[in-house]
Full PDB file with SEQRES, HELIX, SHEET, SSBOND, CRYST1, ORIGX, SCALE, CONECT and MASTER records, all heavy atoms in Angstrom:
SEQRES   1 A   34  ARG ALA GLY VAL ALA ASP ILE ASP ILE ILE ARG ALA ILE          
SEQRES   2 A   34  ALA ARG ARG ALA PHE PRO ALA THR TYR ARG ASP ILE LEU          
SEQRES   3 A   34  SER PRO GLU GLN LEU ALA TYR MET                              
HELIX    1 AA1 VAL A    4  ASP A    6  5                                   3    
HELIX    2 AA2 ILE A    7  TYR A   22  1                                  16    
HELIX    3 AA3 PRO A   28  TYR A   33  1                                   6    
CRYST1    1.000    1.000    1.000  90.00  90.00  90.00 P 1           1          
ORIGX1      1.000000  0.000000  0.000000        0.00000                         
ORIGX2      0.000000  1.000000  0.000000        0.00000                         
ORIGX3      0.000000  0.000000  1.000000        0.00000                         
SCALE1      1.000000  0.000000  0.000000        0.00000                         
SCALE2      0.000000  1.000000  0.000000        0.00000                         
SCALE3      0.000000  0.000000  1.000000        0.00000                         
ATOM      1  N   ARG A   1     111.446  73.685  95.688  1.00  0.00           N  
ATOM      2  CA  ARG A   1     110.155  74.298  96.023  1.00  0.00           C  
ATOM      3  C   ARG A   1     110.100  74.664  97.463  1.00  0.00           C  
ATOM      4  O   ARG A   1     110.611  73.949  98.336  1.00  0.00           O  
ATOM      5  CB  ARG A   1     109.029  73.361  95.642  1.00  0.00           C  
ATOM      6  CG  ARG A   1     107.630  73.951  95.809  1.00  0.00           C  
ATOM      7  CD  ARG A   1     106.619  73.257  95.078  1.00  0.00           C  
ATOM      8  NE  ARG A   1     105.263  73.761  95.327  1.00  0.00           N  
ATOM      9  CZ  ARG A   1     104.157  73.314  94.738  1.00  0.00           C  
ATOM     10  NH1 ARG A   1     104.216  72.489  93.765  1.00  0.00           N  
ATOM     11  NH2 ARG A   1     102.990  73.886  95.049  1.00  0.00           N  
ATOM     12  N   ALA A   2     109.521  75.794  97.760  1.00  0.00           N  
ATOM     13  CA  ALA A   2     109.450  76.273  99.121  1.00  0.00           C  
ATOM     14  C   ALA A   2     108.031  76.152  99.631  1.00  0.00           C  
ATOM     15  O   ALA A   2     107.060  76.148  98.922  1.00  0.00           O  
ATOM     16  CB  ALA A   2     109.830  77.790  99.186  1.00  0.00           C  
ATOM     17  N   GLY A   3     107.902  76.052 100.923  1.00  0.00           N  
ATOM     18  CA  GLY A   3     106.605  75.961 101.574  1.00  0.00           C  
ATOM     19  C   GLY A   3     106.536  76.836 102.839  1.00  0.00           C  
ATOM     20  O   GLY A   3     107.390  77.622 103.093  1.00  0.00           O  
ATOM     21  N   VAL A   4     105.448  76.594 103.588  1.00  0.00           N  
ATOM     22  CA  VAL A   4     105.218  77.397 104.799  1.00  0.00           C  
ATOM     23  C   VAL A   4     106.434  77.401 105.772  1.00  0.00           C  
ATOM     24  O   VAL A   4     106.825  78.427 106.361  1.00  0.00           O  
ATOM     25  CB  VAL A   4     103.942  76.945 105.503  1.00  0.00           C  
ATOM     26  CG1 VAL A   4     103.859  77.594 106.904  1.00  0.00           C  
ATOM     27  CG2 VAL A   4     102.775  77.314 104.685  1.00  0.00           C  
ATOM     28  N   ALA A   5     107.138  76.261 105.828  1.00  0.00           N  
ATOM     29  CA  ALA A   5     108.263  76.141 106.746  1.00  0.00           C  
ATOM     30  C   ALA A   5     109.382  77.025 106.300  1.00  0.00           C  
ATOM     31  O   ALA A   5     110.312  77.291 107.104  1.00  0.00           O  
ATOM     32  CB  ALA A   5     108.738  74.698 106.745  1.00  0.00           C  
ATOM     33  N   ASP A   6     109.365  77.524 105.068  1.00  0.00           N  
ATOM     34  CA  ASP A   6     110.494  78.344 104.555  1.00  0.00           C  
ATOM     35  C   ASP A   6     110.191  79.864 104.590  1.00  0.00           C  
ATOM     36  O   ASP A   6     110.919  80.733 104.072  1.00  0.00           O  
ATOM     37  CB  ASP A   6     110.818  77.993 103.086  1.00  0.00           C  
ATOM     38  CG  ASP A   6     111.207  76.523 102.977  1.00  0.00           C  
ATOM     39  OD1 ASP A   6     112.250  76.205 103.597  1.00  0.00           O  
ATOM     40  OD2 ASP A   6     110.561  75.775 102.233  1.00  0.00           O  
ATOM     41  N   ILE A   7     109.050  80.201 105.210  1.00  0.00           N  
ATOM     42  CA  ILE A   7     108.643  81.600 105.242  1.00  0.00           C  
ATOM     43  C   ILE A   7     109.701  82.509 105.832  1.00  0.00           C  
ATOM     44  O   ILE A   7     109.992  83.617 105.294  1.00  0.00           O  
ATOM     45  CB  ILE A   7     107.267  81.792 105.952  1.00  0.00           C  
ATOM     46  CG1 ILE A   7     106.205  81.394 104.999  1.00  0.00           C  
ATOM     47  CG2 ILE A   7     107.050  83.219 106.383  1.00  0.00           C  
ATOM     48  CD1 ILE A   7     104.752  81.422 105.611  1.00  0.00           C  
ATOM     49  N   ASP A   8     110.320  82.052 106.903  1.00  0.00           N  
ATOM     50  CA  ASP A   8     111.333  82.939 107.479  1.00  0.00           C  
ATOM     51  C   ASP A   8     112.548  83.119 106.556  1.00  0.00           C  
ATOM     52  O   ASP A   8     113.174  84.247 106.624  1.00  0.00           O  
ATOM     53  CB  ASP A   8     111.876  82.309 108.771  1.00  0.00           C  
ATOM     54  CG  ASP A   8     110.868  82.445 109.917  1.00  0.00           C  
ATOM     55  OD1 ASP A   8     109.939  83.271 109.873  1.00  0.00           O  
ATOM     56  OD2 ASP A   8     111.045  81.753 111.023  1.00  0.00           O  
ATOM     57  N   ILE A   9     112.845  82.167 105.781  1.00  0.00           N  
ATOM     58  CA  ILE A   9     114.010  82.303 104.777  1.00  0.00           C  
ATOM     59  C   ILE A   9     113.605  83.310 103.730  1.00  0.00           C  
ATOM     60  O   ILE A   9     114.359  84.127 103.393  1.00  0.00           O  
ATOM     61  CB  ILE A   9     114.301  80.952 104.149  1.00  0.00           C  
ATOM     62  CG1 ILE A   9     114.829  79.941 105.172  1.00  0.00           C  
ATOM     63  CG2 ILE A   9     115.307  81.099 103.045  1.00  0.00           C  
ATOM     64  CD1 ILE A   9     115.039  78.551 104.649  1.00  0.00           C  
ATOM     65  N   ILE A  10     112.353  83.220 103.205  1.00  0.00           N  
ATOM     66  CA  ILE A  10     111.900  84.171 102.151  1.00  0.00           C  
ATOM     67  C   ILE A  10     111.885  85.603 102.713  1.00  0.00           C  
ATOM     68  O   ILE A  10     112.327  86.556 102.082  1.00  0.00           O  
ATOM     69  CB  ILE A  10     110.491  83.761 101.724  1.00  0.00           C  
ATOM     70  CG1 ILE A  10     110.602  82.370 100.958  1.00  0.00           C  
ATOM     71  CG2 ILE A  10     109.879  84.851 100.791  1.00  0.00           C  
ATOM     72  CD1 ILE A  10     109.225  81.786 100.646  1.00  0.00           C  
ATOM     73  N   ARG A  11     111.407  85.713 103.957  1.00  0.00           N  
ATOM     74  CA  ARG A  11     111.402  87.070 104.560  1.00  0.00           C  
ATOM     75  C   ARG A  11     112.789  87.657 104.852  1.00  0.00           C  
ATOM     76  O   ARG A  11     113.040  88.818 104.628  1.00  0.00           O  
ATOM     77  CB  ARG A  11     110.642  87.019 105.943  1.00  0.00           C  
ATOM     78  CG  ARG A  11     109.151  86.630 105.761  1.00  0.00           C  
ATOM     79  CD  ARG A  11     108.429  86.730 107.113  1.00  0.00           C  
ATOM     80  NE  ARG A  11     108.264  88.027 107.589  1.00  0.00           N  
ATOM     81  CZ  ARG A  11     108.084  88.425 108.825  1.00  0.00           C  
ATOM     82  NH1 ARG A  11     108.024  87.511 109.785  1.00  0.00           N  
ATOM     83  NH2 ARG A  11     107.900  89.672 109.100  1.00  0.00           N  
ATOM     84  N   ALA A  12     113.730  86.744 105.176  1.00  0.00           N  
ATOM     85  CA  ALA A  12     115.110  87.261 105.373  1.00  0.00           C  
ATOM     86  C   ALA A  12     115.758  87.727 104.114  1.00  0.00           C  
ATOM     87  O   ALA A  12     116.380  88.767 104.054  1.00  0.00           O  
ATOM     88  CB  ALA A  12     115.950  86.154 105.969  1.00  0.00           C  
ATOM     89  N   ILE A  13     115.468  87.043 102.936  1.00  0.00           N  
ATOM     90  CA  ILE A  13     116.007  87.526 101.730  1.00  0.00           C  
ATOM     91  C   ILE A  13     115.342  88.790 101.267  1.00  0.00           C  
ATOM     92  O   ILE A  13     115.902  89.763 100.785  1.00  0.00           O  
ATOM     93  CB  ILE A  13     115.825  86.366 100.594  1.00  0.00           C  
ATOM     94  CG1 ILE A  13     116.589  85.150 100.935  1.00  0.00           C  
ATOM     95  CG2 ILE A  13     116.267  86.943  99.245  1.00  0.00           C  
ATOM     96  CD1 ILE A  13     116.235  83.915 100.043  1.00  0.00           C  
ATOM     97  N   ALA A  14     113.899  88.786 101.442  1.00  0.00           N  
ATOM     98  CA  ALA A  14     113.176  89.971 101.047  1.00  0.00           C  
ATOM     99  C   ALA A  14     113.640  91.213 101.853  1.00  0.00           C  
ATOM    100  O   ALA A  14     113.699  92.350 101.276  1.00  0.00           O  
ATOM    101  CB  ALA A  14     111.713  89.793 101.341  1.00  0.00           C  
ATOM    102  N   ARG A  15     114.025  91.133 103.090  1.00  0.00           N  
ATOM    103  CA  ARG A  15     114.442  92.243 103.839  1.00  0.00           C  
ATOM    104  C   ARG A  15     115.683  92.963 103.229  1.00  0.00           C  
ATOM    105  O   ARG A  15     115.948  94.147 103.471  1.00  0.00           O  
ATOM    106  CB  ARG A  15     114.676  91.926 105.290  1.00  0.00           C  
ATOM    107  CG  ARG A  15     113.430  91.741 106.111  1.00  0.00           C  
ATOM    108  CD  ARG A  15     113.689  91.662 107.621  1.00  0.00           C  
ATOM    109  NE  ARG A  15     114.395  90.454 107.993  1.00  0.00           N  
ATOM    110  CZ  ARG A  15     113.703  89.376 108.393  1.00  0.00           C  
ATOM    111  NH1 ARG A  15     112.402  89.338 108.456  1.00  0.00           N  
ATOM    112  NH2 ARG A  15     114.386  88.193 108.724  1.00  0.00           N  
ATOM    113  N   ARG A  16     116.493  92.116 102.481  1.00  0.00           N  
ATOM    114  CA  ARG A  16     117.656  92.751 101.837  1.00  0.00           C  
ATOM    115  C   ARG A  16     117.371  93.079 100.389  1.00  0.00           C  
ATOM    116  O   ARG A  16     117.756  94.230  99.870  1.00  0.00           O  
ATOM    117  CB  ARG A  16     118.783  91.690 101.846  1.00  0.00           C  
ATOM    118  CG  ARG A  16     119.255  91.324 103.255  1.00  0.00           C  
ATOM    119  CD  ARG A  16     120.637  90.691 103.192  1.00  0.00           C  
ATOM    120  NE  ARG A  16     121.589  91.614 102.771  1.00  0.00           N  
ATOM    121  CZ  ARG A  16     122.791  91.347 102.244  1.00  0.00           C  
ATOM    122  NH1 ARG A  16     123.090  90.069 102.038  1.00  0.00           N  
ATOM    123  NH2 ARG A  16     123.646  92.288 101.910  1.00  0.00           N  
ATOM    124  N   ALA A  17     116.637  92.245  99.650  1.00  0.00           N  
ATOM    125  CA  ALA A  17     116.498  92.450  98.234  1.00  0.00           C  
ATOM    126  C   ALA A  17     115.467  93.468  97.869  1.00  0.00           C  
ATOM    127  O   ALA A  17     115.607  94.255  97.017  1.00  0.00           O  
ATOM    128  CB  ALA A  17     116.042  91.103  97.596  1.00  0.00           C  
ATOM    129  N   PHE A  18     114.309  93.464  98.592  1.00  0.00           N  
ATOM    130  CA  PHE A  18     113.194  94.451  98.235  1.00  0.00           C  
ATOM    131  C   PHE A  18     113.614  95.930  98.433  1.00  0.00           C  
ATOM    132  O   PHE A  18     113.501  96.696  97.514  1.00  0.00           O  
ATOM    133  CB  PHE A  18     111.973  94.061  98.992  1.00  0.00           C  
ATOM    134  CG  PHE A  18     110.691  94.712  98.445  1.00  0.00           C  
ATOM    135  CD1 PHE A  18     110.063  94.142  97.321  1.00  0.00           C  
ATOM    136  CD2 PHE A  18     110.153  95.781  99.019  1.00  0.00           C  
ATOM    137  CE1 PHE A  18     108.907  94.722  96.811  1.00  0.00           C  
ATOM    138  CE2 PHE A  18     108.996  96.397  98.486  1.00  0.00           C  
ATOM    139  CZ  PHE A  18     108.391  95.880  97.377  1.00  0.00           C  
ATOM    140  N   PRO A  19     114.110  96.266  99.604  1.00  0.00           N  
ATOM    141  CA  PRO A  19     114.586  97.691  99.731  1.00  0.00           C  
ATOM    142  C   PRO A  19     115.708  98.091  98.799  1.00  0.00           C  
ATOM    143  O   PRO A  19     115.661  99.211  98.320  1.00  0.00           O  
ATOM    144  CB  PRO A  19     115.000  97.809 101.266  1.00  0.00           C  
ATOM    145  CG  PRO A  19     114.281  96.692 101.891  1.00  0.00           C  
ATOM    146  CD  PRO A  19     114.244  95.600 100.914  1.00  0.00           C  
ATOM    147  N   ALA A  20     116.623  97.182  98.555  1.00  0.00           N  
ATOM    148  CA  ALA A  20     117.670  97.444  97.607  1.00  0.00           C  
ATOM    149  C   ALA A  20     117.149  97.775  96.185  1.00  0.00           C  
ATOM    150  O   ALA A  20     117.691  98.553  95.428  1.00  0.00           O  
ATOM    151  CB  ALA A  20     118.711  96.348  97.526  1.00  0.00           C  
ATOM    152  N   THR A  21     116.047  97.093  95.809  1.00  0.00           N  
ATOM    153  CA  THR A  21     115.437  97.256  94.519  1.00  0.00           C  
ATOM    154  C   THR A  21     114.729  98.553  94.424  1.00  0.00           C  
ATOM    155  O   THR A  21     114.804  99.267  93.318  1.00  0.00           O  
ATOM    156  CB  THR A  21     114.494  96.120  94.175  1.00  0.00           C  
ATOM    157  OG1 THR A  21     115.240  94.882  94.235  1.00  0.00           O  
ATOM    158  CG2 THR A  21     113.860  96.281  92.772  1.00  0.00           C  
ATOM    159  N   TYR A  22     114.077  98.991  95.456  1.00  0.00           N  
ATOM    160  CA  TYR A  22     113.115 100.129  95.327  1.00  0.00           C  
ATOM    161  C   TYR A  22     113.467 101.374  96.116  1.00  0.00           C  
ATOM    162  O   TYR A  22     112.710 102.336  96.103  1.00  0.00           O  
ATOM    163  CB  TYR A  22     111.689  99.595  95.765  1.00  0.00           C  
ATOM    164  CG  TYR A  22     111.152  98.612  94.809  1.00  0.00           C  
ATOM    165  CD1 TYR A  22     111.062  97.247  95.147  1.00  0.00           C  
ATOM    166  CD2 TYR A  22     110.673  98.989  93.537  1.00  0.00           C  
ATOM    167  CE1 TYR A  22     110.526  96.369  94.263  1.00  0.00           C  
ATOM    168  CE2 TYR A  22     110.208  98.084  92.677  1.00  0.00           C  
ATOM    169  CZ  TYR A  22     110.114  96.816  93.060  1.00  0.00           C  
ATOM    170  OH  TYR A  22     109.560  95.858  92.101  1.00  0.00           O  
ATOM    171  N   ARG A  23     114.604 101.387  96.782  1.00  0.00           N  
ATOM    172  CA  ARG A  23     114.862 102.617  97.672  1.00  0.00           C  
ATOM    173  C   ARG A  23     115.031 103.862  96.863  1.00  0.00           C  
ATOM    174  O   ARG A  23     114.775 104.968  97.409  1.00  0.00           O  
ATOM    175  CB  ARG A  23     116.141 102.350  98.500  1.00  0.00           C  
ATOM    176  CG  ARG A  23     117.447 102.202  97.748  1.00  0.00           C  
ATOM    177  CD  ARG A  23     118.670 102.301  98.611  1.00  0.00           C  
ATOM    178  NE  ARG A  23     118.640 101.391  99.671  1.00  0.00           N  
ATOM    179  CZ  ARG A  23     119.320 100.211  99.735  1.00  0.00           C  
ATOM    180  NH1 ARG A  23     120.059  99.910  98.645  1.00  0.00           N  
ATOM    181  NH2 ARG A  23     119.183  99.429 100.757  1.00  0.00           N  
ATOM    182  N   ASP A  24     115.349 103.769  95.573  1.00  0.00           N  
ATOM    183  CA  ASP A  24     115.467 104.979  94.744  1.00  0.00           C  
ATOM    184  C   ASP A  24     114.208 105.213  93.959  1.00  0.00           C  
ATOM    185  O   ASP A  24     114.117 106.160  93.124  1.00  0.00           O  
ATOM    186  CB  ASP A  24     116.679 104.853  93.793  1.00  0.00           C  
ATOM    187  CG  ASP A  24     117.979 104.846  94.587  1.00  0.00           C  
ATOM    188  OD1 ASP A  24     118.083 105.532  95.608  1.00  0.00           O  
ATOM    189  OD2 ASP A  24     118.973 104.152  94.066  1.00  0.00           O  
ATOM    190  N   ILE A  25     113.190 104.329  94.060  1.00  0.00           N  
ATOM    191  CA  ILE A  25     111.954 104.494  93.312  1.00  0.00           C  
ATOM    192  C   ILE A  25     110.767 104.813  94.186  1.00  0.00           C  
ATOM    193  O   ILE A  25     109.943 105.644  93.818  1.00  0.00           O  
ATOM    194  CB  ILE A  25     111.700 103.155  92.580  1.00  0.00           C  
ATOM    195  CG1 ILE A  25     112.814 102.880  91.588  1.00  0.00           C  
ATOM    196  CG2 ILE A  25     110.319 103.214  91.832  1.00  0.00           C  
ATOM    197  CD1 ILE A  25     112.717 101.449  90.974  1.00  0.00           C  
ATOM    198  N   LEU A  26     110.672 104.238  95.373  1.00  0.00           N  
ATOM    199  CA  LEU A  26     109.549 104.395  96.260  1.00  0.00           C  
ATOM    200  C   LEU A  26     109.936 105.164  97.529  1.00  0.00           C  
ATOM    201  O   LEU A  26     111.100 105.121  97.911  1.00  0.00           O  
ATOM    202  CB  LEU A  26     108.977 103.019  96.702  1.00  0.00           C  
ATOM    203  CG  LEU A  26     108.535 102.087  95.618  1.00  0.00           C  
ATOM    204  CD1 LEU A  26     108.117 100.771  96.135  1.00  0.00           C  
ATOM    205  CD2 LEU A  26     107.481 102.690  94.716  1.00  0.00           C  
ATOM    206  N   SER A  27     108.986 105.822  98.153  1.00  0.00           N  
ATOM    207  CA  SER A  27     109.221 106.459  99.438  1.00  0.00           C  
ATOM    208  C   SER A  27     109.497 105.478 100.459  1.00  0.00           C  
ATOM    209  O   SER A  27     109.029 104.308 100.409  1.00  0.00           O  
ATOM    210  CB  SER A  27     108.013 107.339  99.794  1.00  0.00           C  
ATOM    211  OG  SER A  27     106.943 106.542 100.145  1.00  0.00           O  
ATOM    212  N   PRO A  28     110.146 105.853 101.548  1.00  0.00           N  
ATOM    213  CA  PRO A  28     110.339 104.923 102.733  1.00  0.00           C  
ATOM    214  C   PRO A  28     108.989 104.443 103.292  1.00  0.00           C  
ATOM    215  O   PRO A  28     108.960 103.308 103.675  1.00  0.00           O  
ATOM    216  CB  PRO A  28     111.145 105.790 103.771  1.00  0.00           C  
ATOM    217  CG  PRO A  28     111.824 106.844 102.896  1.00  0.00           C  
ATOM    218  CD  PRO A  28     110.928 107.145 101.785  1.00  0.00           C  
ATOM    219  N   GLU A  29     108.002 105.292 103.206  1.00  0.00           N  
ATOM    220  CA  GLU A  29     106.731 104.952 103.755  1.00  0.00           C  
ATOM    221  C   GLU A  29     106.059 103.887 102.962  1.00  0.00           C  
ATOM    222  O   GLU A  29     105.486 102.878 103.454  1.00  0.00           O  
ATOM    223  CB  GLU A  29     105.779 106.192 103.875  1.00  0.00           C  
ATOM    224  CG  GLU A  29     106.231 107.264 104.833  1.00  0.00           C  
ATOM    225  CD  GLU A  29     107.378 108.100 104.377  1.00  0.00           C  
ATOM    226  OE1 GLU A  29     107.675 108.076 103.145  1.00  0.00           O  
ATOM    227  OE2 GLU A  29     108.006 108.850 105.235  1.00  0.00           O  
ATOM    228  N   GLN A  30     106.198 104.006 101.602  1.00  0.00           N  
ATOM    229  CA  GLN A  30     105.611 102.969 100.706  1.00  0.00           C  
ATOM    230  C   GLN A  30     106.368 101.636 100.783  1.00  0.00           C  
ATOM    231  O   GLN A  30     105.829 100.606 100.756  1.00  0.00           O  
ATOM    232  CB  GLN A  30     105.496 103.426  99.278  1.00  0.00           C  
ATOM    233  CG  GLN A  30     104.828 102.435  98.354  1.00  0.00           C  
ATOM    234  CD  GLN A  30     104.368 103.003  97.056  1.00  0.00           C  
ATOM    235  OE1 GLN A  30     104.307 104.198  96.867  1.00  0.00           O  
ATOM    236  NE2 GLN A  30     103.981 102.118  96.138  1.00  0.00           N  
ATOM    237  N   LEU A  31     107.697 101.777 100.938  1.00  0.00           N  
ATOM    238  CA  LEU A  31     108.563 100.595 101.076  1.00  0.00           C  
ATOM    239  C   LEU A  31     108.150  99.772 102.332  1.00  0.00           C  
ATOM    240  O   LEU A  31     107.901  98.581 102.265  1.00  0.00           O  
ATOM    241  CB  LEU A  31     109.993 100.974 101.203  1.00  0.00           C  
ATOM    242  CG  LEU A  31     110.877 100.939  99.959  1.00  0.00           C  
ATOM    243  CD1 LEU A  31     112.239 101.515 100.159  1.00  0.00           C  
ATOM    244  CD2 LEU A  31     110.907  99.554  99.353  1.00  0.00           C  
ATOM    245  N   ALA A  32     107.959 100.511 103.442  1.00  0.00           N  
ATOM    246  CA  ALA A  32     107.555  99.829 104.712  1.00  0.00           C  
ATOM    247  C   ALA A  32     106.195  99.169 104.521  1.00  0.00           C  
ATOM    248  O   ALA A  32     105.940  98.094 104.978  1.00  0.00           O  
ATOM    249  CB  ALA A  32     107.602 100.832 105.838  1.00  0.00           C  
ATOM    250  N   TYR A  33     105.245  99.955 103.898  1.00  0.00           N  
ATOM    251  CA  TYR A  33     103.888  99.415 103.684  1.00  0.00           C  
ATOM    252  C   TYR A  33     103.860  98.164 102.849  1.00  0.00           C  
ATOM    253  O   TYR A  33     103.223  97.170 103.235  1.00  0.00           O  
ATOM    254  CB  TYR A  33     103.056 100.477 103.104  1.00  0.00           C  
ATOM    255  CG  TYR A  33     101.608 100.025 102.706  1.00  0.00           C  
ATOM    256  CD1 TYR A  33     100.670  99.998 103.674  1.00  0.00           C  
ATOM    257  CD2 TYR A  33     101.298  99.662 101.432  1.00  0.00           C  
ATOM    258  CE1 TYR A  33      99.407  99.530 103.373  1.00  0.00           C  
ATOM    259  CE2 TYR A  33     100.069  99.172 101.053  1.00  0.00           C  
ATOM    260  CZ  TYR A  33      99.055  99.123 102.074  1.00  0.00           C  
ATOM    261  OH  TYR A  33      97.798  98.736 101.785  1.00  0.00           O  
ATOM    262  N   MET A  34     104.671  98.205 101.741  1.00  0.00           N  
ATOM    263  CA  MET A  34     104.651  97.034 100.833  1.00  0.00           C  
ATOM    264  C   MET A  34     105.387  95.805 101.449  1.00  0.00           C  
ATOM    265  O   MET A  34     104.978  94.670 101.160  1.00  0.00           O  
ATOM    266  CB  MET A  34     105.263  97.479  99.514  1.00  0.00           C  
ATOM    267  CG  MET A  34     104.407  98.448  98.702  1.00  0.00           C  
ATOM    268  SD  MET A  34     105.072  98.799  97.073  1.00  0.00           S  
ATOM    269  CE  MET A  34     104.844  97.244  96.205  1.00  0.00           C  
TER     270      MET A  34                                                      
MASTER        0    0    0    3    0    0    0    6  269    1    0    3          
END                                                                             
């Protein structure tokens, strides 16, 4: 289980996983906003 102390870890994974998932679906502007 993760907590507030793990926020930096979650953000680091998200910076790789989220754009890789949506780069062909969403605009760069919407990706940055989300």
